Amino acid sequence: MRFSWLAEQRLPWPELLAQATTVERTGYDTIWLSDHVFAEDGSWLLDCLTTAGALGATVPQVGIGTLVAANTFRHAPLIAQAALSLHRITGGRFVLGVGAGGSREEHEALGIPFPPIAERAERLEEACAAIRGILRVQGAKVPLLVGGIGRHVLDVVARHADRWTVWADPDVAARQRSRLDKRCRAVGRNIADIRCGAITMIAPAHLSVLPDSPWEAVMAGDRAAMREQVARYAEAGVDELIVCEYAGRPGKPGGSVAVVRRAGRRSIVVAGKGVPLQVSIGIFTHNDADTIGEVIEAFLDQETAIADITEIIVVCCECTDDTVATISKHARGDDRVRVVERERRQGKVAAINTFLAAATGEVVVISGGDIVPGPSLVERLTAPIAADHRCSMTGPQVLSAATGSPTLAARLHDVLWRLHHEVALRAPKLGETIAVRRSALPQSLPGGVHCDEVLIESLVIRDGGQLTYVPEAQVRNFPPRRVSHLYGQRRRVVCQHASARSLLHYRPATSRMSNVLPALGTTARGEHTVWGPLAGLVALQTLAVLHGYLDYLRGRRYSVWQPVGRDAAVLRPAVDRPASADGKKP
């Protein structure tokens, strides 16, 4: 089943554009525009054809359609001209929906004749034939949707339409589709050739009914109820479910469909794929008082649509500074934030198991107390998991907060993450912050392997899941203060990867030269200013590999990493770039 959106044309253009952008990002198939002139309160609406052109030029990844253009408002050749123009503007994404014209009040207000339905249906059939002919001559394959019910209109649908849509709950949709099926068989056509759609209104999650809504087709209730209703539409033969906004009462724009407010932040509830995935965020920290406040606020201020952040669990491991007090200060009274304190540091995997035992979300996000997320990190990491059942783990692009810093450690750190990005584009290597489908993980992670991201990657792949690198999602990573600190980090990573390979028979993408060598070439072909740091990083990593393997052979495992100093010059980076210190692990 496809999911599409009926836009709210009472909104000012900037708000409608923002809504459309959110809908596009959420993964809907088409944005539909109705052809009404007035709202219930008499205010004028945005015109459907003009707005379709504007959205087609500014929202590039979603279909645009009219639902439906009234044939009585315009002559058929002018409708065909508009369809041809929109087809070209959108690069073939436009769907022309036409109808017989349904609002007597609007026709009378505009001084346009409103004949009986039999005559309007006859005119509609003539218009469909004319529009088809004009578009065919112009070589434009524009899908034609005909909306409406009643035997006259259904006859037009059966003879001319590629698509058909009706306002309907599942029962009404099933009955009307059955009637259309009879009309199709009468003209020798298979209804399977017509994409059948239904329009419904989405109620906010806290309402089971809409007490002042004039519409009978309403989806309401919690996540389970929404899924059940979507399944009923599918059973009714609906190929495309089109949802629209509940505005609270007729004539009052709601701004966004089905907004659920949690502590002053919004998650947009959408049918099927739009009912949010509940996300639990785990932040792991040891003496991160200097960064944890910024991290907490960044997670609280996430821009979300299908990611419903239900809890932020901060696991504090043997914190002896003001980390816990700083968390309370920056949580702003949000009851989603809670702290779990561990008296001793026993490694990142042990800390993650503490989090997993408490987490309730369908997706778990694992991050650090010194890693600052970008404003849409959680949404971007969750979206691939929501869209594809095969995707079980996602990771962001890591940006060094050291960009522009003059220290050698900072420059090496910056090039390190550029190289990491190039590798991940070839074969996903996920780290620093990850999102994982909870069902892909066991109740607790097994012991013995101390590199958590590699351990989780191997478990996800063993479970049949896929890894997805999401470069549009970003985090900031703070550099260590000295080159010796960076060397120690790389040495420990090599040792842990060697241990993981032995125990799990799994190698991450960054340990395979078939990925690293092309990434080195791409990075070297970039700015000439990276050549020196890149050569230095290669030398540092070569020594770290030798030293790390020697550590592994000697039996060292680095289950608990020792903290390293961070570059104070970049502890407060620009807000629009994401970051974190690579060294401290709980």
Foldseek 3Di string as FASTA:
>chain_A
DAEEAEFDQVDPPVLSLVQLQVVLLLPHAEYEYEADQAFPVGDGGPGQLVVLLVCLQPRQRHAYEYPAAACQVDPLVVLLVSQVVSCVSNVNRYAYEYELDDDPVRCVVVVGDDDDPLVSLVSVLVSLVVSVVVCVVVVRDHFYEYEDADPSSLLSCLVGHQEYEYADFLVVLLVRLVVSCVSNVVVPHHCVSYQYEYEAEEAAQVDQDQVADPGPRYQYYAPVSLQVRVVSNVVSVHRYYYYYADQSHGPHRNSAHRWDDAPNATEAAGHQLQHAFEEEEEAEEAQLLLQLLLQLLLVVQAHYYRYHHQAYEYEYAQHDDCNVVSCVVNNVPRPRYDYHYHNHDQAQQVSVLVVLLVDDTQKYKYAYSFKHWARHQRRLQCSVVSVDVQAFKEAEQEAELLVPPPDLQSLLVRLVSLLVVQLCVVPNDHDNMMMGRSVLDPSGQDDQQRPVSQSSVLSNVVSRHDYYYRHVIYAAAFTFPDPVLVLVLLLLVLLRQVSCCVPRVDHGSVVDVVRNVVSLVVSVPPDVVSPVSSVVSVVSNVVSNVNSVVCNVVPDNCRAFDDGHTDPVRSPGDSNHHHGYPGHTD
